[in-house]
């Protein structure tokens, strides 16, 4: 097993030159902008997030600006970023910050966790990246780096919050600054070099220390997380089509109009029902609208 200080130092040194110039990594970016990026990056590719994040921060540069807008505008601005319920949670989080924290993103981990839509990962990411606190931050890319470099297995297996955080905590440098860098650097390494299907071991800064590579890169035969169902023809696709109609209209959209978006009435009913349950579609006497309160 590679020594934790050596591994972290090597990854941090590599990150100093290899880090992508992502806008939310800028030195002058606000904690609110970091939080928005973390909401948007959940299960969404960086390339799709960048223009939406830039437009969002330009329009709503503070939690107070966001909270002053109706939820429907947040959902419209989210556009086709995917999982639009995140837009509602972000709006609710902004409202909570105005009500509880004088319009500021809180520093304390427990206060972050108490915000609507903020889970353990997002809270730690904001605490680490916005405020420099020494917390382990673990995403899919980090888990893969740890699985290969430390555990000697080609795949991280199903996630386990307690196990994954403990594994990352064991690697964190002691200083807050180095720990913050390593949280970001480990993610970057997994996203750009230690990738799932085609790891570039020849340019990896910790190739000589990697337990998986030293073991001959054995095939992984352990448990895996269930694969997500294909998008085409799924309820997610139908939900997206309904949301497209609601975002485009500034009036109620009738059920008859929604009937045109998908031929299977049962699947359409299920999609509309789930959107109503999530608070993304509001039924009324004249049809369905986005939420306004």
Protein backbone atom coordinates (compact mmCIF):
# COMPACT_ATOMS: atom_id res chain seq x y z
CA UNK A 1 0.00 0.00 0.00
CA UNK A 2 1.46 3.43 -0.94
CA UNK A 3 2.28 5.81 1.91
CA UNK A 4 -0.51 8.39 2.25
CA UNK A 5 1.76 11.49 2.45
CA UNK A 6 3.74 10.43 -0.62
CA UNK A 7 0.60 9.70 -2.63
CA UNK A 8 -1.11 12.97 -1.72
CA UNK A 9 2.01 15.03 -2.37
CA UNK A 10 2.53 13.45 -5.79
CA UNK A 11 -1.10 14.03 -6.79
CA UNK A 12 -1.05 17.62 -5.53
CA UNK A 13 2.18 18.36 -7.41
CA UNK A 14 0.63 16.98 -10.59
CA UNK A 15 -2.57 18.99 -10.05
CA UNK A 16 -0.63 22.26 -9.89
CA UNK A 17 -0.01 22.02 -13.65
CA UNK A 18 -2.74 19.63 -14.81
CA UNK A 19 -5.87 21.16 -13.26
CA UNK A 20 -8.50 22.19 -15.78
CA UNK A 21 -9.32 25.92 -15.55
CA UNK A 22 -12.90 25.35 -14.39
CA UNK A 23 -14.59 28.68 -13.58
CA UNK A 24 -15.76 27.66 -10.09
CA UNK A 25 -12.11 27.00 -9.17
CA UNK A 26 -11.15 30.65 -9.60
CA UNK A 27 -9.61 32.26 -6.52
CA UNK A 28 -12.23 35.00 -6.32
CA UNK A 29 -15.30 32.79 -6.76
CA UNK A 30 -17.90 33.10 -4.00
CA UNK A 31 -19.11 30.31 -1.71
CA UNK A 32 -22.53 30.65 -3.36
CA UNK A 33 -20.99 30.07 -6.78
CA UNK A 34 -19.22 26.98 -5.44
CA UNK A 35 -22.48 25.65 -4.00
CA UNK A 36 -24.29 26.24 -7.31
CA UNK A 37 -21.55 24.33 -9.15
CA UNK A 38 -21.88 21.39 -6.76
CA UNK A 39 -25.64 21.21 -7.29
CA UNK A 40 -25.20 21.31 -11.07
CA UNK A 41 -22.34 18.82 -11.25
CA UNK A 42 -24.32 16.01 -9.63
CA UNK A 43 -24.58 13.31 -12.32
CA UNK A 44 -23.91 15.89 -15.03
CA UNK A 45 -20.88 16.35 -17.28
CA UNK A 46 -18.64 19.36 -16.69
CA UNK A 47 -18.96 20.58 -20.30
CA UNK A 48 -22.73 20.84 -19.95
CA UNK A 49 -22.52 22.58 -16.59
CA UNK A 50 -20.08 25.39 -17.46
CA UNK A 51 -22.39 27.57 -19.64
CA UNK A 52 -25.41 26.98 -17.40
CA UNK A 53 -23.38 27.82 -14.27
CA UNK A 54 -22.01 31.00 -15.85
CA UNK A 55 -25.49 32.16 -16.86
CA UNK A 56 -26.90 31.30 -13.43
CA UNK A 57 -24.23 33.22 -11.49
CA UNK A 58 -24.56 36.23 -13.79
CA UNK A 59 -28.33 36.29 -13.26
CA UNK A 60 -28.37 35.35 -9.57
CA UNK A 61 -24.98 36.24 -8.05
CA UNK A 62 -26.13 35.79 -4.45
CA UNK A 63 -28.54 33.57 -2.50
CA UNK A 64 -30.75 36.63 -1.93
CA UNK A 65 -31.03 37.26 -5.68
CA UNK A 66 -32.01 33.65 -6.21
CA UNK A 67 -34.52 33.62 -3.36
CA UNK A 68 -36.21 36.76 -4.72
CA UNK A 69 -37.04 35.00 -7.99
CA UNK A 70 -40.01 32.62 -8.29
CA UNK A 71 -39.15 28.89 -8.33
CA UNK A 72 -40.50 28.67 -11.88
CA UNK A 73 -37.65 30.88 -13.10
CA UNK A 74 -35.10 28.62 -11.45
CA UNK A 75 -36.60 25.61 -13.22
CA UNK A 76 -36.65 27.46 -16.55
CA UNK A 77 -33.03 28.56 -16.14
CA UNK A 78 -32.03 24.98 -15.35
CA UNK A 79 -33.20 24.20 -18.90
CA UNK A 80 -32.07 20.71 -20.03
CA UNK A 81 -29.36 20.22 -17.44
CA UNK A 82 -31.17 17.13 -16.17
CA UNK A 83 -32.74 16.15 -12.85
CA UNK A 84 -34.61 19.49 -12.65
CA UNK A 85 -35.66 18.89 -9.06
CA UNK A 86 -32.16 20.13 -8.23
CA UNK A 87 -33.26 23.59 -9.38
CA UNK A 88 -36.09 23.59 -6.85
CA UNK A 89 -33.78 22.41 -4.07
CA UNK A 90 -31.25 25.09 -4.96
CA UNK A 91 -33.96 27.74 -4.81
CA UNK A 92 -35.12 26.41 -1.44
CA UNK A 93 -31.54 26.36 -0.16
CA UNK A 94 -31.12 30.00 -1.20
CA UNK A 95 -34.33 30.91 0.59
CA UNK A 96 -33.16 29.11 3.72
CA UNK A 97 -29.85 30.98 3.62
CA UNK A 98 -31.70 34.29 3.48
CA UNK A 99 -33.95 33.27 6.37
CA UNK A 100 -31.33 31.64 8.61
CA UNK A 101 -27.89 32.95 7.63
CA UNK A 102 -28.35 36.59 6.54
CA UNK A 103 -28.13 35.59 2.89
CA UNK A 104 -24.73 33.94 3.23
CA UNK A 105 -23.63 30.35 2.61
CA UNK A 106 -22.92 28.91 6.08
CA UNK A 107 -19.43 27.63 6.90
CA UNK A 108 -20.39 25.01 9.46
CA UNK A 109 -20.87 21.49 8.14
CA UNK A 110 -24.02 20.88 10.19
CA UNK A 111 -25.52 24.16 8.98
CA UNK A 112 -24.77 23.17 5.40
CA UNK A 113 -26.34 19.76 5.92
CA UNK A 114 -29.48 21.44 7.24
CA UNK A 115 -30.04 23.30 3.96
CA UNK A 116 -32.70 21.83 1.63
CA UNK A 117 -31.19 19.58 -1.01
CA UNK A 118 -27.71 19.54 0.54
CA UNK A 119 -26.51 16.03 1.29
CA UNK A 120 -23.27 14.75 2.84
CA UNK A 121 -21.24 15.06 -0.35
CA UNK A 122 -22.36 18.58 -1.24
CA UNK A 123 -21.94 19.83 2.33
CA UNK A 124 -18.36 18.55 2.53
CA UNK A 125 -17.52 19.83 -0.94
CA UNK A 126 -18.72 23.34 -0.13
CA UNK A 127 -16.98 23.33 3.27
CA UNK A 128 -13.74 22.20 1.65
CA UNK A 129 -13.71 24.11 -1.63
CA UNK A 130 -15.46 27.33 -0.56
CA UNK A 131 -14.06 27.66 2.96
CA UNK A 132 -10.92 25.52 2.97
CA UNK A 133 -12.08 23.25 5.81
CA UNK A 134 -10.31 19.92 6.19
CA UNK A 135 -13.03 17.41 5.29
CA UNK A 136 -12.74 14.34 3.05
CA UNK A 137 -14.70 14.83 -0.19
CA UNK A 138 -15.43 11.71 -2.20
CA UNK A 139 -17.04 11.42 -5.63
CA UNK A 140 -17.07 8.61 -8.18
CA UNK A 141 -13.69 9.63 -9.58
CA UNK A 142 -12.08 9.78 -6.15
CA UNK A 143 -13.44 6.35 -5.28
CA UNK A 144 -11.87 4.89 -8.42
CA UNK A 145 -8.46 6.43 -7.68
CA UNK A 146 -8.50 5.04 -4.14
CA UNK A 147 -9.68 1.63 -5.30
CA UNK A 148 -6.81 1.32 -7.76
CA UNK A 149 -3.97 3.14 -6.07
CA UNK A 150 -4.62 1.97 -2.51
CA UNK A 151 -6.79 -1.15 -2.62
CA UNK A 152 -5.34 -2.68 -5.78
CA UNK A 153 -8.67 -3.27 -7.50
CA UNK A 154 -9.74 -1.97 -10.87
CA UNK A 155 -13.24 -0.95 -9.80
CA UNK A 156 -14.39 0.68 -6.56
CA UNK A 157 -17.50 -1.47 -6.19
CA UNK A 158 -20.76 -0.13 -4.74
CA UNK A 159 -20.41 3.09 -2.73
CA UNK A 160 -20.37 3.10 1.07
CA UNK A 161 -20.37 6.57 2.63
CA UNK A 162 -18.65 5.55 5.88
CA UNK A 163 -16.03 3.38 4.18
CA UNK A 164 -15.34 5.84 1.38
CA UNK A 165 -14.97 8.82 3.70
CA UNK A 166 -12.67 6.86 6.01
CA UNK A 167 -10.50 5.81 3.06
CA UNK A 168 -10.19 9.41 1.85
CA UNK A 169 -9.63 10.76 5.35
CA UNK A 170 -6.67 8.40 5.74
CA UNK A 171 -5.04 10.01 2.68
CA UNK A 172 -5.73 13.68 3.48
CA UNK A 173 -2.66 15.81 4.22
CA UNK A 174 -2.61 17.40 7.66
CA UNK A 175 -2.72 21.03 6.55
CA UNK A 176 -6.06 22.51 5.53
CA UNK A 177 -4.64 23.95 2.31
CA UNK A 178 -3.01 20.72 1.16
CA UNK A 179 -6.12 18.74 2.11
CA UNK A 180 -8.34 21.08 0.08
CA UNK A 181 -6.02 20.69 -2.91
CA UNK A 182 -5.91 16.91 -2.58
CA UNK A 183 -9.71 16.66 -2.52
CA UNK A 184 -9.84 18.46 -5.86
CA UNK A 185 -6.73 16.79 -7.26
CA UNK A 186 -7.93 13.24 -6.59
CA UNK A 187 -11.18 14.02 -8.39
CA UNK A 188 -9.28 15.53 -11.29
CA UNK A 189 -6.99 12.54 -11.54
CA UNK A 190 -9.94 10.17 -11.72
CA UNK A 191 -11.80 12.35 -14.22
CA UNK A 192 -8.93 12.91 -16.65
CA UNK A 193 -6.30 10.17 -16.17
CA UNK A 194 -7.50 7.30 -13.99
CA UNK A 195 -10.68 6.95 -16.02
CA UNK A 196 -13.08 4.05 -15.81
CA UNK A 197 -12.58 2.49 -19.23
CA UNK A 198 -9.22 3.74 -20.50
CA UNK A 199 -6.88 4.69 -17.66
CA UNK A 200 -3.76 6.49 -18.89
CA UNK A 201 -1.28 4.84 -16.58
CA UNK A 202 1.68 6.05 -18.66
CA UNK A 203 1.04 9.66 -17.60
CA UNK A 204 -0.30 9.01 -14.10
CA UNK A 205 1.71 10.79 -11.36
CA UNK A 206 1.28 7.86 -8.97
CA UNK A 207 1.71 4.98 -11.43
CA UNK A 208 4.82 3.73 -9.62
CA UNK A 209 2.88 3.61 -6.33
CA UNK A 210 -0.41 2.25 -7.70
CA UNK A 211 -1.28 -1.06 -6.04
CA UNK A 212 -3.51 -2.11 -8.95
CA UNK A 213 -0.80 -1.49 -11.54
CA UNK A 214 1.85 -3.20 -9.40
CA UNK A 215 -0.46 -6.23 -9.17
CA UNK A 216 -0.67 -6.39 -12.98
CA UNK A 217 -4.00 -4.55 -13.38
CA UNK A 218 -6.19 -7.57 -12.51
CA UNK A 219 -9.79 -7.76 -13.71
CA UNK A 220 -12.34 -6.81 -11.08
CA UNK A 221 -14.84 -9.55 -10.27
CA UNK A 222 -16.47 -8.11 -7.16
CA UNK A 223 -19.90 -6.50 -6.69
CA UNK A 224 -20.92 -3.50 -8.77
CA UNK A 225 -23.64 -0.90 -8.53
CA UNK A 226 -26.73 -1.51 -10.63
CA UNK A 227 -26.55 0.15 -14.03
CA UNK A 228 -28.98 2.95 -14.76
CA UNK A 229 -31.71 2.01 -17.21
CA UNK A 230 -31.28 3.34 -20.73
CA UNK A 231 -32.68 6.81 -21.34
CA UNK A 232 -34.49 6.20 -24.62
CA UNK A 233 -38.12 5.32 -23.90
CA UNK A 234 -37.67 5.67 -20.15
CA UNK A 235 -39.85 7.57 -17.71
CA UNK A 236 -36.94 10.04 -17.41
CA UNK A 237 -37.23 10.82 -21.10
CA UNK A 238 -40.97 11.39 -20.84
CA UNK A 239 -40.51 13.59 -17.75
CA UNK A 240 -38.01 15.62 -19.74
CA UNK A 241 -40.43 16.07 -22.62
CA UNK A 242 -43.18 17.24 -20.27
CA UNK A 243 -40.78 19.64 -18.56
CA UNK A 244 -39.78 21.04 -21.95
CA UNK A 245 -43.40 21.98 -22.62
CA UNK A 246 -43.89 23.53 -19.19
CA UNK A 247 -40.67 25.58 -19.44
CA UNK A 248 -41.59 26.91 -22.87
CA UNK A 249 -45.10 27.99 -21.87
CA UNK A 250 -45.88 30.99 -19.71
CA UNK A 251 -49.43 29.81 -19.23
CA UNK A 252 -51.07 26.55 -18.11
CA UNK A 253 -50.43 23.61 -20.43
CA UNK A 254 -53.48 21.41 -20.86
CA UNK A 255 -53.43 17.65 -20.65
CA UNK A 256 -54.58 17.53 -24.27
CA UNK A 257 -51.47 19.46 -25.26
CA UNK A 258 -49.26 17.14 -23.22
CA UNK A 259 -50.83 14.12 -24.93
CA UNK A 260 -48.82 15.05 -28.02
CA UNK A 261 -45.42 14.58 -26.36
CA UNK A 262 -45.67 10.80 -25.87
CA UNK A 263 -47.98 8.16 -27.40
CA UNK A 264 -48.15 5.84 -24.36
CA UNK A 265 -50.86 7.35 -22.13
CA UNK A 266 -49.96 5.21 -19.11
CA UNK A 267 -46.31 6.22 -19.22
CA UNK A 268 -47.29 9.86 -19.73
CA UNK A 269 -49.62 9.67 -16.71
CA UNK A 270 -46.81 8.20 -14.65
CA UNK A 271 -44.37 10.93 -15.72
CA UNK A 272 -46.84 13.74 -15.01
CA UNK A 273 -47.73 12.21 -11.66
CA UNK A 274 -44.08 11.99 -10.63
CA UNK A 275 -43.47 15.62 -11.66
CA UNK A 276 -46.47 16.73 -9.60
CA UNK A 277 -45.16 14.70 -6.68
CA UNK A 278 -41.73 16.36 -7.00
CA UNK A 279 -43.30 19.82 -7.06
CA UNK A 280 -42.07 20.51 -10.58
CA UNK A 281 -45.54 20.51 -12.17
CA UNK A 282 -48.50 22.17 -10.48
CA UNK A 283 -51.98 21.05 -11.58
CA UNK A 284 -54.75 23.60 -11.91
CA UNK A 285 -58.17 23.93 -13.46
CA UNK A 286 -56.64 25.14 -16.75
CA UNK A 287 -53.73 22.71 -16.94
CA UNK A 288 -50.21 22.34 -15.54
CA UNK A 289 -47.67 25.04 -14.74
CA UNK A 290 -44.24 25.34 -13.18
CA UNK A 291 -44.20 26.16 -9.45
CA UNK A 292 -44.51 29.82 -8.54
CA UNK A 293 -44.36 29.68 -4.75
